[in-house]
Amino acid sequence: ERMSANELAVYTRHLQENKQGTERFKIAFWKKLIDPLAIFVLMALALPFAYLHTRSGGVSLKIFIGIMIGVSFLLVNTLFSHIGLLSTVPAFVTAMMPSLLFLLLAVGALYWVERH
């Protein structure tokens, strides 16, 4: 996790040449590439809260829900990393799945806000 993406790619190649386990480093490599895109996913999750009427009250509840969604994203991201190590799911899918899951949640929330 402290290595750059380039260092991870070189080290993964070295481990493959020596027939050692590389899954953990492949997941870390893909997370390094995909995590910056997670910023846009979290911004998309914040959009439904921007369209809610603030005069209707419950602003602190909306802030709390937003914080809990952000924390749950971090937990799900970590959970999928561990699941990817235990299963045979490809590293790219393991790194991409939490962002896709929360992107679908954001699209669903935007659709819900638009309908109400």
PDB file of N, CA and C in Angstrom:
ATOM      1  N   GLU A   1       0.812  -1.207   0.000  1.00  0.00           N
ATOM      2  CA  GLU A   1       0.000   0.000   0.000  1.00  0.00           C
ATOM      3  C   GLU A   1       0.853   1.268   0.000  1.00  0.00           C
ATOM      4  N   ARG A   2       2.102   1.134   0.361  1.00  0.00           N
ATOM      5  CA  ARG A   2       2.987   2.301   0.373  1.00  0.00           C
ATOM      6  C   ARG A   2       3.739   2.471  -0.934  1.00  0.00           C
ATOM      7  N   MET A   3       3.689   1.451  -1.787  1.00  0.00           N
ATOM      8  CA  MET A   3       4.384   1.521  -3.066  1.00  0.00           C
ATOM      9  C   MET A   3       3.567   2.308  -4.078  1.00  0.00           C
ATOM     10  N   SER A   4       4.269   2.895  -5.037  1.00  0.00           N
ATOM     11  CA  SER A   4       3.560   3.564  -6.127  1.00  0.00           C
ATOM     12  C   SER A   4       3.016   2.494  -7.072  1.00  0.00           C
ATOM     13  N   ALA A   5       2.169   2.911  -7.995  1.00  0.00           N
ATOM     14  CA  ALA A   5       1.581   1.964  -8.944  1.00  0.00           C
ATOM     15  C   ALA A   5       2.665   1.324  -9.806  1.00  0.00           C
ATOM     16  N   ASN A   6       3.645   2.112 -10.199  1.00  0.00           N
ATOM     17  CA  ASN A   6       4.739   1.578 -11.000  1.00  0.00           C
ATOM     18  C   ASN A   6       5.542   0.548 -10.210  1.00  0.00           C
ATOM     19  N   GLU A   7       5.850   0.851  -8.966  1.00  0.00           N
ATOM     20  CA  GLU A   7       6.593  -0.093  -8.132  1.00  0.00           C
ATOM     21  C   GLU A   7       5.796  -1.377  -7.913  1.00  0.00           C
ATOM     22  N   LEU A   8       4.491  -1.249  -7.734  1.00  0.00           N
ATOM     23  CA  LEU A   8       3.649  -2.429  -7.564  1.00  0.00           C
ATOM     24  C   LEU A   8       3.643  -3.297  -8.812  1.00  0.00           C
ATOM     25  N   ALA A   9       3.605  -2.672  -9.982  1.00  0.00           N
ATOM     26  CA  ALA A   9       3.617  -3.434 -11.227  1.00  0.00           C
ATOM     27  C   ALA A   9       4.935  -4.183 -11.383  1.00  0.00           C
ATOM     28  N   VAL A  10       6.046  -3.532 -11.088  1.00  0.00           N
ATOM     29  CA  VAL A  10       7.354  -4.174 -11.195  1.00  0.00           C
ATOM     30  C   VAL A  10       7.478  -5.300 -10.170  1.00  0.00           C
ATOM     31  N   TYR A  11       7.041  -5.055  -8.949  1.00  0.00           N
ATOM     32  CA  TYR A  11       7.149  -6.065  -7.897  1.00  0.00           C
ATOM     33  C   TYR A  11       6.242  -7.256  -8.187  1.00  0.00           C
ATOM     34  N   THR A  12       5.052  -7.009  -8.717  1.00  0.00           N
ATOM     35  CA  THR A  12       4.148  -8.098  -9.079  1.00  0.00           C
ATOM     36  C   THR A  12       4.767  -8.954 -10.175  1.00  0.00           C
ATOM     37  N   ARG A  13       5.364  -8.316 -11.159  1.00  0.00           N
ATOM     38  CA  ARG A  13       6.048  -9.059 -12.222  1.00  0.00           C
ATOM     39  C   ARG A  13       7.185  -9.911 -11.644  1.00  0.00           C
ATOM     40  N   HIS A  14       7.936  -9.348 -10.709  1.00  0.00           N
ATOM     41  CA  HIS A  14       9.029 -10.080 -10.055  1.00  0.00           C
ATOM     42  C   HIS A  14       8.481 -11.299  -9.307  1.00  0.00           C
ATOM     43  N   LEU A  15       7.386 -11.128  -8.589  1.00  0.00           N
ATOM     44  CA  LEU A  15       6.799 -12.249  -7.848  1.00  0.00           C
ATOM     45  C   LEU A  15       6.276 -13.327  -8.792  1.00  0.00           C
ATOM     46  N   GLN A  16       5.688 -12.912  -9.911  1.00  0.00           N
ATOM     47  CA  GLN A  16       5.196 -13.893 -10.879  1.00  0.00           C
ATOM     48  C   GLN A  16       6.337 -14.698 -11.471  1.00  0.00           C
ATOM     49  N   GLU A  17       7.451 -14.042 -11.764  1.00  0.00           N
ATOM     50  CA  GLU A  17       8.607 -14.745 -12.311  1.00  0.00           C
ATOM     51  C   GLU A  17       9.173 -15.756 -11.330  1.00  0.00           C
ATOM     52  N   ASN A  18       9.039 -15.486 -10.045  1.00  0.00           N
ATOM     53  CA  ASN A  18       9.524 -16.393  -9.009  1.00  0.00           C
ATOM     54  C   ASN A  18       8.439 -17.322  -8.483  1.00  0.00           C
ATOM     55  N   LYS A  19       7.288 -17.337  -9.156  1.00  0.00           N
ATOM     56  CA  LYS A  19       6.170 -18.234  -8.825  1.00  0.00           C
ATOM     57  C   LYS A  19       5.707 -18.080  -7.370  1.00  0.00           C
ATOM     58  N   GLN A  20       5.534 -16.819  -6.972  1.00  0.00           N
ATOM     59  CA  GLN A  20       5.034 -16.512  -5.630  1.00  0.00           C
ATOM     60  C   GLN A  20       3.656 -15.874  -5.757  1.00  0.00           C
ATOM     61  N   GLY A  21       2.937 -15.781  -4.652  1.00  0.00           N
ATOM     62  CA  GLY A  21       1.595 -15.200  -4.650  1.00  0.00           C
ATOM     63  C   GLY A  21       1.620 -13.712  -4.958  1.00  0.00           C
ATOM     64  N   THR A  22       0.767 -13.310  -5.884  1.00  0.00           N
ATOM     65  CA  THR A  22       0.747 -11.903  -6.301  1.00  0.00           C
ATOM     66  C   THR A  22      -0.604 -11.238  -6.091  1.00  0.00           C
ATOM     67  N   GLU A  23      -1.612 -11.970  -5.644  1.00  0.00           N
ATOM     68  CA  GLU A  23      -2.974 -11.441  -5.617  1.00  0.00           C
ATOM     69  C   GLU A  23      -3.088 -10.168  -4.773  1.00  0.00           C
ATOM     70  N   ARG A  24      -2.445 -10.165  -3.618  1.00  0.00           N
ATOM     71  CA  ARG A  24      -2.519  -8.998  -2.731  1.00  0.00           C
ATOM     72  C   ARG A  24      -1.955  -7.751  -3.405  1.00  0.00           C
ATOM     73  N   PHE A  25      -0.881  -7.924  -4.143  1.00  0.00           N
ATOM     74  CA  PHE A  25      -0.241  -6.785  -4.794  1.00  0.00           C
ATOM     75  C   PHE A  25      -1.003  -6.356  -6.050  1.00  0.00           C
ATOM     76  N   LYS A  26      -1.634  -7.309  -6.719  1.00  0.00           N
ATOM     77  CA  LYS A  26      -2.474  -6.952  -7.861  1.00  0.00           C
ATOM     78  C   LYS A  26      -3.676  -6.130  -7.407  1.00  0.00           C
ATOM     79  N   ILE A  27      -4.291  -6.533  -6.298  1.00  0.00           N
ATOM     80  CA  ILE A  27      -5.429  -5.770  -5.765  1.00  0.00           C
ATOM     81  C   ILE A  27      -4.979  -4.368  -5.364  1.00  0.00           C
ATOM     82  N   ALA A  28      -3.829  -4.270  -4.715  1.00  0.00           N
ATOM     83  CA  ALA A  28      -3.311  -2.947  -4.317  1.00  0.00           C
ATOM     84  C   ALA A  28      -3.014  -2.086  -5.548  1.00  0.00           C
ATOM     85  N   PHE A  29      -2.497  -2.706  -6.611  1.00  0.00           N
ATOM     86  CA  PHE A  29      -2.213  -1.975  -7.842  1.00  0.00           C
ATOM     87  C   PHE A  29      -3.498  -1.413  -8.445  1.00  0.00           C
ATOM     88  N   TRP A  30      -4.522  -2.255  -8.578  1.00  0.00           N
ATOM     89  CA  TRP A  30      -5.770  -1.788  -9.180  1.00  0.00           C
ATOM     90  C   TRP A  30      -6.475  -0.775  -8.305  1.00  0.00           C
ATOM     91  N   LYS A  31      -6.369  -0.922  -6.980  1.00  0.00           N
ATOM     92  CA  LYS A  31      -6.969   0.070  -6.084  1.00  0.00           C
ATOM     93  C   LYS A  31      -6.286   1.428  -6.255  1.00  0.00           C
ATOM     94  N   LYS A  32      -4.967   1.416  -6.461  1.00  0.00           N
ATOM     95  CA  LYS A  32      -4.258   2.683  -6.690  1.00  0.00           C
ATOM     96  C   LYS A  32      -4.771   3.383  -7.941  1.00  0.00           C
ATOM     97  N   LEU A  33      -5.132   2.616  -8.962  1.00  0.00           N
ATOM     98  CA  LEU A  33      -5.610   3.207 -10.208  1.00  0.00           C
ATOM     99  C   LEU A  33      -7.082   3.601 -10.137  1.00  0.00           C
ATOM    100  N   ILE A  34      -7.886   2.858  -9.397  1.00  0.00           N
ATOM    101  CA  ILE A  34      -9.337   3.072  -9.399  1.00  0.00           C
ATOM    102  C   ILE A  34      -9.787   4.018  -8.278  1.00  0.00           C
ATOM    103  N   ASP A  35      -9.086   4.055  -7.164  1.00  0.00           N
ATOM    104  CA  ASP A  35      -9.518   4.894  -6.038  1.00  0.00           C
ATOM    105  C   ASP A  35      -9.680   6.375  -6.379  1.00  0.00           C
ATOM    106  N   PRO A  36      -8.840   6.977  -7.232  1.00  0.00           N
ATOM    107  CA  PRO A  36      -9.119   8.379  -7.586  1.00  0.00           C
ATOM    108  C   PRO A  36     -10.474   8.561  -8.284  1.00  0.00           C
ATOM    109  N   LEU A  37     -10.941   7.545  -8.990  1.00  0.00           N
ATOM    110  CA  LEU A  37     -12.255   7.631  -9.622  1.00  0.00           C
ATOM    111  C   LEU A  37     -13.388   7.553  -8.598  1.00  0.00           C
ATOM    112  N   ALA A  38     -13.076   7.021  -7.417  1.00  0.00           N
ATOM    113  CA  ALA A  38     -14.078   6.928  -6.360  1.00  0.00           C
ATOM    114  C   ALA A  38     -14.528   8.312  -5.886  1.00  0.00           C
ATOM    115  N   ILE A  39     -13.701   9.319  -6.101  1.00  0.00           N
ATOM    116  CA  ILE A  39     -14.077  10.689  -5.740  1.00  0.00           C
ATOM    117  C   ILE A  39     -15.342  11.096  -6.492  1.00  0.00           C
ATOM    118  N   PHE A  40     -15.395  10.736  -7.777  1.00  0.00           N
ATOM    119  CA  PHE A  40     -16.568  11.083  -8.579  1.00  0.00           C
ATOM    120  C   PHE A  40     -17.799  10.288  -8.142  1.00  0.00           C
ATOM    121  N   VAL A  41     -17.584   9.065  -7.708  1.00  0.00           N
ATOM    122  CA  VAL A  41     -18.694   8.255  -7.203  1.00  0.00           C
ATOM    123  C   VAL A  41     -19.256   8.884  -5.927  1.00  0.00           C
ATOM    124  N   LEU A  42     -18.386   9.303  -5.029  1.00  0.00           N
ATOM    125  CA  LEU A  42     -18.851   9.927  -3.790  1.00  0.00           C
ATOM    126  C   LEU A  42     -19.501  11.284  -4.052  1.00  0.00           C
ATOM    127  N   MET A  43     -19.020  12.004  -5.064  1.00  0.00           N
ATOM    128  CA  MET A  43     -19.687  13.258  -5.437  1.00  0.00           C
ATOM    129  C   MET A  43     -21.083  12.969  -5.992  1.00  0.00           C
ATOM    130  N   ALA A  44     -21.211  11.896  -6.767  1.00  0.00           N
ATOM    131  CA  ALA A  44     -22.527  11.517  -7.282  1.00  0.00           C
ATOM    132  C   ALA A  44     -23.456  11.107  -6.142  1.00  0.00           C
ATOM    133  N   LEU A  45     -22.906  10.512  -5.092  1.00  0.00           N
ATOM    134  CA  LEU A  45     -23.719  10.171  -3.926  1.00  0.00           C
ATOM    135  C   LEU A  45     -24.160  11.417  -3.167  1.00  0.00           C
ATOM    136  N   ALA A  46     -23.383  12.479  -3.234  1.00  0.00           N
ATOM    137  CA  ALA A  46     -23.730  13.712  -2.524  1.00  0.00           C
ATOM    138  C   ALA A  46     -24.810  14.515  -3.254  1.00  0.00           C
ATOM    139  N   LEU A  47     -24.958  14.312  -4.558  1.00  0.00           N
ATOM    140  CA  LEU A  47     -25.928  15.091  -5.330  1.00  0.00           C
ATOM    141  C   LEU A  47     -27.377  14.972  -4.842  1.00  0.00           C
ATOM    142  N   PRO A  48     -27.863  13.787  -4.508  1.00  0.00           N
ATOM    143  CA  PRO A  48     -29.249  13.733  -4.023  1.00  0.00           C
ATOM    144  C   PRO A  48     -29.479  14.571  -2.767  1.00  0.00           C
ATOM    145  N   PHE A  49     -28.468  14.690  -1.928  1.00  0.00           N
ATOM    146  CA  PHE A  49     -28.619  15.512  -0.729  1.00  0.00           C
ATOM    147  C   PHE A  49     -28.682  16.995  -1.081  1.00  0.00           C
ATOM    148  N   ALA A  50     -28.066  17.395  -2.179  1.00  0.00           N
ATOM    149  CA  ALA A  50     -28.096  18.790  -2.605  1.00  0.00           C
ATOM    150  C   ALA A  50     -29.477  19.181  -3.121  1.00  0.00           C
ATOM    151  N   TYR A  51     -30.218  18.226  -3.666  1.00  0.00           N
ATOM    152  CA  TYR A  51     -31.536  18.526  -4.220  1.00  0.00           C
ATOM    153  C   TYR A  51     -32.662  18.471  -3.190  1.00  0.00           C
ATOM    154  N   LEU A  52     -32.373  17.955  -1.999  1.00  0.00           N
ATOM    155  CA  LEU A  52     -33.406  17.920  -0.968  1.00  0.00           C
ATOM    156  C   LEU A  52     -33.649  19.323  -0.435  1.00  0.00           C
ATOM    157  N   HIS A  53     -34.857  19.596  -0.059  1.00  0.00           N
ATOM    158  CA  HIS A  53     -35.217  20.931   0.434  1.00  0.00           C
ATOM    159  C   HIS A  53     -34.696  21.113   1.849  1.00  0.00           C
ATOM    160  N   THR A  54     -33.888  22.148   2.064  1.00  0.00           N
ATOM    161  CA  THR A  54     -33.314  22.374   3.388  1.00  0.00           C
ATOM    162  C   THR A  54     -34.328  23.001   4.339  1.00  0.00           C
ATOM    163  N   ARG A  55     -35.373  23.608   3.819  1.00  0.00           N
ATOM    164  CA  ARG A  55     -36.359  24.229   4.700  1.00  0.00           C
ATOM    165  C   ARG A  55     -37.278  23.203   5.357  1.00  0.00           C
ATOM    166  N   SER A  56     -37.231  21.988   4.839  1.00  0.00           N
ATOM    167  CA  SER A  56     -38.101  20.968   5.416  1.00  0.00           C
ATOM    168  C   SER A  56     -37.561  20.435   6.734  1.00  0.00           C
ATOM    169  N   GLY A  57     -36.387  20.872   7.155  1.00  0.00           N
ATOM    170  CA  GLY A  57     -35.823  20.457   8.436  1.00  0.00           C
ATOM    171  C   GLY A  57     -34.996  19.197   8.309  1.00  0.00           C
ATOM    172  N   GLY A  58     -34.417  18.793   9.411  1.00  0.00           N
ATOM    173  CA  GLY A  58     -33.636  17.573   9.433  1.00  0.00           C
ATOM    174  C   GLY A  58     -32.300  17.666   8.728  1.00  0.00           C
ATOM    175  N   VAL A  59     -31.688  18.855   8.748  1.00  0.00           N
ATOM    176  CA  VAL A  59     -30.407  19.023   8.074  1.00  0.00           C
ATOM    177  C   VAL A  59     -29.345  18.172   8.763  1.00  0.00           C
ATOM    178  N   SER A  60     -29.378  18.121  10.082  1.00  0.00           N
ATOM    179  CA  SER A  60     -28.371  17.328  10.791  1.00  0.00           C
ATOM    180  C   SER A  60     -28.522  15.842  10.462  1.00  0.00           C
ATOM    181  N   LEU A  61     -29.742  15.384  10.263  1.00  0.00           N
ATOM    182  CA  LEU A  61     -29.958  13.992   9.876  1.00  0.00           C
ATOM    183  C   LEU A  61     -29.393  13.721   8.486  1.00  0.00           C
ATOM    184  N   LYS A  62     -29.564  14.665   7.576  1.00  0.00           N
ATOM    185  CA  LYS A  62     -29.023  14.510   6.218  1.00  0.00           C
ATOM    186  C   LYS A  62     -27.502  14.487   6.237  1.00  0.00           C
ATOM    187  N   ILE A  63     -26.890  15.307   7.059  1.00  0.00           N
ATOM    188  CA  ILE A  63     -25.433  15.317   7.186  1.00  0.00           C
ATOM    189  C   ILE A  63     -24.956  13.991   7.775  1.00  0.00           C
ATOM    190  N   PHE A  64     -25.652  13.521   8.801  1.00  0.00           N
ATOM    191  CA  PHE A  64     -25.283  12.252   9.419  1.00  0.00           C
ATOM    192  C   PHE A  64     -25.391  11.095   8.426  1.00  0.00           C
ATOM    193  N   ILE A  65     -26.450  11.075   7.639  1.00  0.00           N
ATOM    194  CA  ILE A  65     -26.623  10.018   6.636  1.00  0.00           C
ATOM    195  C   ILE A  65     -25.508  10.092   5.589  1.00  0.00           C
ATOM    196  N   GLY A  66     -25.146  11.285   5.184  1.00  0.00           N
ATOM    197  CA  GLY A  66     -24.054  11.449   4.229  1.00  0.00           C
ATOM    198  C   GLY A  66     -22.730  10.944   4.771  1.00  0.00           C
ATOM    199  N   ILE A  67     -22.461  11.235   6.042  1.00  0.00           N
ATOM    200  CA  ILE A  67     -21.230  10.750   6.669  1.00  0.00           C
ATOM    201  C   ILE A  67     -21.249   9.228   6.761  1.00  0.00           C
ATOM    202  N   MET A  68     -22.383   8.655   7.123  1.00  0.00           N
ATOM    203  CA  MET A  68     -22.489   7.198   7.226  1.00  0.00           C
ATOM    204  C   MET A  68     -22.327   6.519   5.865  1.00  0.00           C
ATOM    205  N   ILE A  69     -22.809   7.147   4.812  1.00  0.00           N
ATOM    206  CA  ILE A  69     -22.620   6.588   3.473  1.00  0.00           C
ATOM    207  C   ILE A  69     -21.138   6.606   3.104  1.00  0.00           C
ATOM    208  N   GLY A  70     -20.435   7.690   3.438  1.00  0.00           N
ATOM    209  CA  GLY A  70     -18.996   7.762   3.159  1.00  0.00           C
ATOM    210  C   GLY A  70     -18.206   6.727   3.943  1.00  0.00           C
ATOM    211  N   VAL A  71     -18.547   6.558   5.204  1.00  0.00           N
ATOM    212  CA  VAL A  71     -17.866   5.553   6.032  1.00  0.00           C
ATOM    213  C   VAL A  71     -18.180   4.149   5.526  1.00  0.00           C
ATOM    214  N   SER A  72     -19.429   3.927   5.126  1.00  0.00           N
ATOM    215  CA  SER A  72     -19.784   2.602   4.608  1.00  0.00           C
ATOM    216  C   SER A  72     -19.046   2.314   3.302  1.00  0.00           C
ATOM    217  N   PHE A  73     -18.788   3.345   2.487  1.00  0.00           N
ATOM    218  CA  PHE A  73     -17.994   3.141   1.277  1.00  0.00           C
ATOM    219  C   PHE A  73     -16.599   2.668   1.630  1.00  0.00           C
ATOM    220  N   LEU A  74     -15.980   3.278   2.615  1.00  0.00           N
ATOM    221  CA  LEU A  74     -14.643   2.852   3.031  1.00  0.00           C
ATOM    222  C   LEU A  74     -14.654   1.425   3.552  1.00  0.00           C
ATOM    223  N   LEU A  75     -15.671   1.085   4.353  1.00  0.00           N
ATOM    224  CA  LEU A  75     -15.750  -0.266   4.900  1.00  0.00           C
ATOM    225  C   LEU A  75     -15.986  -1.301   3.813  1.00  0.00           C
ATOM    226  N   VAL A  76     -16.872  -1.011   2.866  1.00  0.00           N
ATOM    227  CA  VAL A  76     -17.147  -1.945   1.782  1.00  0.00           C
ATOM    228  C   VAL A  76     -15.921  -2.093   0.891  1.00  0.00           C
ATOM    229  N   ASN A  77     -15.210  -1.011   0.668  1.00  0.00           N
ATOM    230  CA  ASN A  77     -13.990  -1.060  -0.138  1.00  0.00           C
ATOM    231  C   ASN A  77     -12.964  -1.986   0.515  1.00  0.00           C
ATOM    232  N   THR A  78     -12.777  -1.861   1.811  1.00  0.00           N
ATOM    233  CA  THR A  78     -11.850  -2.725   2.540  1.00  0.00           C
ATOM    234  C   THR A  78     -12.342  -4.166   2.555  1.00  0.00           C
ATOM    235  N   LEU A  79     -13.640  -4.343   2.737  1.00  0.00           N
ATOM    236  CA  LEU A  79     -14.221  -5.688   2.758  1.00  0.00           C
ATOM    237  C   LEU A  79     -13.997  -6.408   1.434  1.00  0.00           C
ATOM    238  N   PHE A  80     -14.213  -5.713   0.325  1.00  0.00           N
ATOM    239  CA  PHE A  80     -14.016  -6.335  -0.977  1.00  0.00           C
ATOM    240  C   PHE A  80     -12.543  -6.679  -1.216  1.00  0.00           C
ATOM    241  N   SER A  81     -11.632  -5.889  -0.667  1.00  0.00           N
ATOM    242  CA  SER A  81     -10.212  -6.220  -0.798  1.00  0.00           C
ATOM    243  C   SER A  81      -9.907  -7.543  -0.100  1.00  0.00           C
ATOM    244  N   HIS A  82     -10.465  -7.714   1.085  1.00  0.00           N
ATOM    245  CA  HIS A  82     -10.235  -8.957   1.823  1.00  0.00           C
ATOM    246  C   HIS A  82     -10.940 -10.138   1.163  1.00  0.00           C
ATOM    247  N   ILE A  83     -12.129  -9.912   0.656  1.00  0.00           N
ATOM    248  CA  ILE A  83     -12.844 -10.988  -0.043  1.00  0.00           C
ATOM    249  C   ILE A  83     -12.081 -11.385  -1.301  1.00  0.00           C
ATOM    250  N   GLY A  84     -11.516 -10.417  -1.989  1.00  0.00           N
ATOM    251  CA  GLY A  84     -10.736 -10.706  -3.189  1.00  0.00           C
ATOM    252  C   GLY A  84      -9.509 -11.555  -2.899  1.00  0.00           C
ATOM    253  N   LEU A  85      -8.922 -11.368  -1.711  1.00  0.00           N
ATOM    254  CA  LEU A  85      -7.779 -12.195  -1.341  1.00  0.00           C
ATOM    255  C   LEU A  85      -8.189 -13.634  -1.052  1.00  0.00           C
ATOM    256  N   LEU A  86      -9.398 -13.800  -0.514  1.00  0.00           N
ATOM    257  CA  LEU A  86      -9.851 -15.135  -0.143  1.00  0.00           C
ATOM    258  C   LEU A  86     -10.467 -15.911  -1.295  1.00  0.00           C
ATOM    259  N   SER A  87     -10.946 -15.224  -2.302  1.00  0.00           N
ATOM    260  CA  SER A  87     -11.641 -15.899  -3.391  1.00  0.00           C
ATOM    261  C   SER A  87     -10.820 -15.821  -4.675  1.00  0.00           C
ATOM    262  N   THR A  88     -11.401 -16.330  -5.737  1.00  0.00           N
ATOM    263  CA  THR A  88     -10.715 -16.333  -7.025  1.00  0.00           C
ATOM    264  C   THR A  88     -11.197 -15.210  -7.938  1.00  0.00           C
ATOM    265  N   VAL A  89     -11.796 -14.188  -7.371  1.00  0.00           N
ATOM    266  CA  VAL A  89     -12.272 -13.048  -8.147  1.00  0.00           C
ATOM    267  C   VAL A  89     -11.054 -12.276  -8.667  1.00  0.00           C
ATOM    268  N   PRO A  90     -11.056 -11.888  -9.936  1.00  0.00           N
ATOM    269  CA  PRO A  90      -9.909 -11.127 -10.466  1.00  0.00           C
ATOM    270  C   PRO A  90      -9.691  -9.816  -9.699  1.00  0.00           C
ATOM    271  N   ALA A  91      -8.446  -9.380  -9.652  1.00  0.00           N
ATOM    272  CA  ALA A  91      -8.072  -8.196  -8.875  1.00  0.00           C
ATOM    273  C   ALA A  91      -8.776  -6.938  -9.381  1.00  0.00           C
ATOM    274  N   PHE A  92      -8.936  -6.811 -10.700  1.00  0.00           N
ATOM    275  CA  PHE A  92      -9.612  -5.639 -11.248  1.00  0.00           C
ATOM    276  C   PHE A  92     -11.061  -5.573 -10.778  1.00  0.00           C
ATOM    277  N   VAL A  93     -11.745  -6.704 -10.787  1.00  0.00           N
ATOM    278  CA  VAL A  93     -13.147  -6.755 -10.342  1.00  0.00           C
ATOM    279  C   VAL A  93     -13.225  -6.453  -8.853  1.00  0.00           C
ATOM    280  N   THR A  94     -12.298  -6.991  -8.088  1.00  0.00           N
ATOM    281  CA  THR A  94     -12.277  -6.745  -6.643  1.00  0.00           C
ATOM    282  C   THR A  94     -12.108  -5.261  -6.340  1.00  0.00           C
ATOM    283  N   ALA A  95     -11.265  -4.588  -7.088  1.00  0.00           N
ATOM    284  CA  ALA A  95     -11.018  -3.165  -6.849  1.00  0.00           C
ATOM    285  C   ALA A  95     -12.149  -2.294  -7.379  1.00  0.00           C
ATOM    286  N   MET A  96     -12.813  -2.734  -8.442  1.00  0.00           N
ATOM    287  CA  MET A  96     -13.829  -1.915  -9.097  1.00  0.00           C
ATOM    288  C   MET A  96     -15.222  -2.077  -8.491  1.00  0.00           C
ATOM    289  N   MET A  97     -15.507  -3.224  -7.882  1.00  0.00           N
ATOM    290  CA  MET A  97     -16.856  -3.542  -7.434  1.00  0.00           C
ATOM    291  C   MET A  97     -17.452  -2.543  -6.429  1.00  0.00           C
ATOM    292  N   PRO A  98     -16.722  -2.097  -5.386  1.00  0.00           N
ATOM    293  CA  PRO A  98     -17.340  -1.129  -4.463  1.00  0.00           C
ATOM    294  C   PRO A  98     -17.736   0.178  -5.155  1.00  0.00           C
ATOM    295  N   SER A  99     -16.903   0.661  -6.068  1.00  0.00           N
ATOM    296  CA  SER A  99     -17.239   1.900  -6.776  1.00  0.00           C
ATOM    297  C   SER A  99     -18.460   1.716  -7.654  1.00  0.00           C
ATOM    298  N   LEU A 100     -18.556   0.583  -8.327  1.00  0.00           N
ATOM    299  CA  LEU A 100     -19.734   0.316  -9.157  1.00  0.00           C
ATOM    300  C   LEU A 100     -20.993   0.175  -8.314  1.00  0.00           C
ATOM    301  N   LEU A 101     -20.864  -0.498  -7.180  1.00  0.00           N
ATOM    302  CA  LEU A 101     -22.004  -0.676  -6.286  1.00  0.00           C
ATOM    303  C   LEU A 101     -22.536   0.668  -5.787  1.00  0.00           C
ATOM    304  N   PHE A 102     -21.638   1.537  -5.360  1.00  0.00           N
ATOM    305  CA  PHE A 102     -22.066   2.832  -4.848  1.00  0.00           C
ATOM    306  C   PHE A 102     -22.477   3.785  -5.974  1.00  0.00           C
ATOM    307  N   LEU A 103     -21.947   3.590  -7.168  1.00  0.00           N
ATOM    308  CA  LEU A 103     -22.407   4.378  -8.306  1.00  0.00           C
ATOM    309  C   LEU A 103     -23.859   4.015  -8.641  1.00  0.00           C
ATOM    310  N   LEU A 104     -24.175   2.736  -8.583  1.00  0.00           N
ATOM    311  CA  LEU A 104     -25.569   2.314  -8.795  1.00  0.00           C
ATOM    312  C   LEU A 104     -26.475   2.878  -7.702  1.00  0.00           C
ATOM    313  N   LEU A 105     -25.982   2.905  -6.473  1.00  0.00           N
ATOM    314  CA  LEU A 105     -26.735   3.503  -5.371  1.00  0.00           C
ATOM    315  C   LEU A 105     -26.966   4.992  -5.619  1.00  0.00           C
ATOM    316  N   ALA A 106     -25.953   5.690  -6.123  1.00  0.00           N
ATOM    317  CA  ALA A 106     -26.083   7.121  -6.415  1.00  0.00           C
ATOM    318  C   ALA A 106     -27.085   7.366  -7.531  1.00  0.00           C
ATOM    319  N   VAL A 107     -27.036   6.548  -8.582  1.00  0.00           N
ATOM    320  CA  VAL A 107     -27.993   6.701  -9.683  1.00  0.00           C
ATOM    321  C   VAL A 107     -29.405   6.428  -9.193  1.00  0.00           C
ATOM    322  N   GLY A 108     -29.563   5.405  -8.358  1.00  0.00           N
ATOM    323  CA  GLY A 108     -30.883   5.114  -7.795  1.00  0.00           C
ATOM    324  C   GLY A 108     -31.390   6.248  -6.911  1.00  0.00           C
ATOM    325  N   ALA A 109     -30.509   6.831  -6.121  1.00  0.00           N
ATOM    326  CA  ALA A 109     -30.913   7.951  -5.263  1.00  0.00           C
ATOM    327  C   ALA A 109     -31.281   9.180  -6.083  1.00  0.00           C
ATOM    328  N   LEU A 110     -30.521   9.441  -7.142  1.00  0.00           N
ATOM    329  CA  LEU A 110     -30.868  10.573  -8.018  1.00  0.00           C
ATOM    330  C   LEU A 110     -32.209  10.343  -8.704  1.00  0.00           C
ATOM    331  N   TYR A 111     -32.458   9.128  -9.123  1.00  0.00           N
ATOM    332  CA  TYR A 111     -33.740   8.801  -9.736  1.00  0.00           C
ATOM    333  C   TYR A 111     -34.875   8.989  -8.736  1.00  0.00           C
ATOM    334  N   TRP A 112     -34.650   8.574  -7.489  1.00  0.00           N
ATOM    335  CA  TRP A 112     -35.659   8.702  -6.440  1.00  0.00           C
ATOM    336  C   TRP A 112     -35.947  10.184  -6.147  1.00  0.00           C
ATOM    337  N   VAL A 113     -34.894  11.002  -6.062  1.00  0.00           N
ATOM    338  CA  VAL A 113     -35.067  12.433  -5.789  1.00  0.00           C
ATOM    339  C   VAL A 113     -35.811  13.110  -6.934  1.00  0.00           C
ATOM    340  N   GLU A 114     -35.516  12.703  -8.159  1.00  0.00           N
ATOM    341  CA  GLU A 114     -36.189  13.285  -9.319  1.00  0.00           C
ATOM    342  C   GLU A 114     -37.676  12.944  -9.334  1.00  0.00           C
ATOM    343  N   ARG A 115     -38.011  11.750  -8.907  1.00  0.00           N
ATOM    344  CA  ARG A 115     -39.416  11.326  -8.908  1.00  0.00           C
ATOM    345  C   ARG A 115     -40.224  11.976  -7.788  1.00  0.00           C
ATOM    346  N   HIS A 116     -39.554  12.393  -6.703  1.00  0.00           N
ATOM    347  CA  HIS A 116     -40.295  12.976  -5.576  1.00  0.00           C
ATOM    348  C   HIS A 116     -40.103  14.437  -5.590  1.00  0.00           C
TER     349      HIS A 116
END
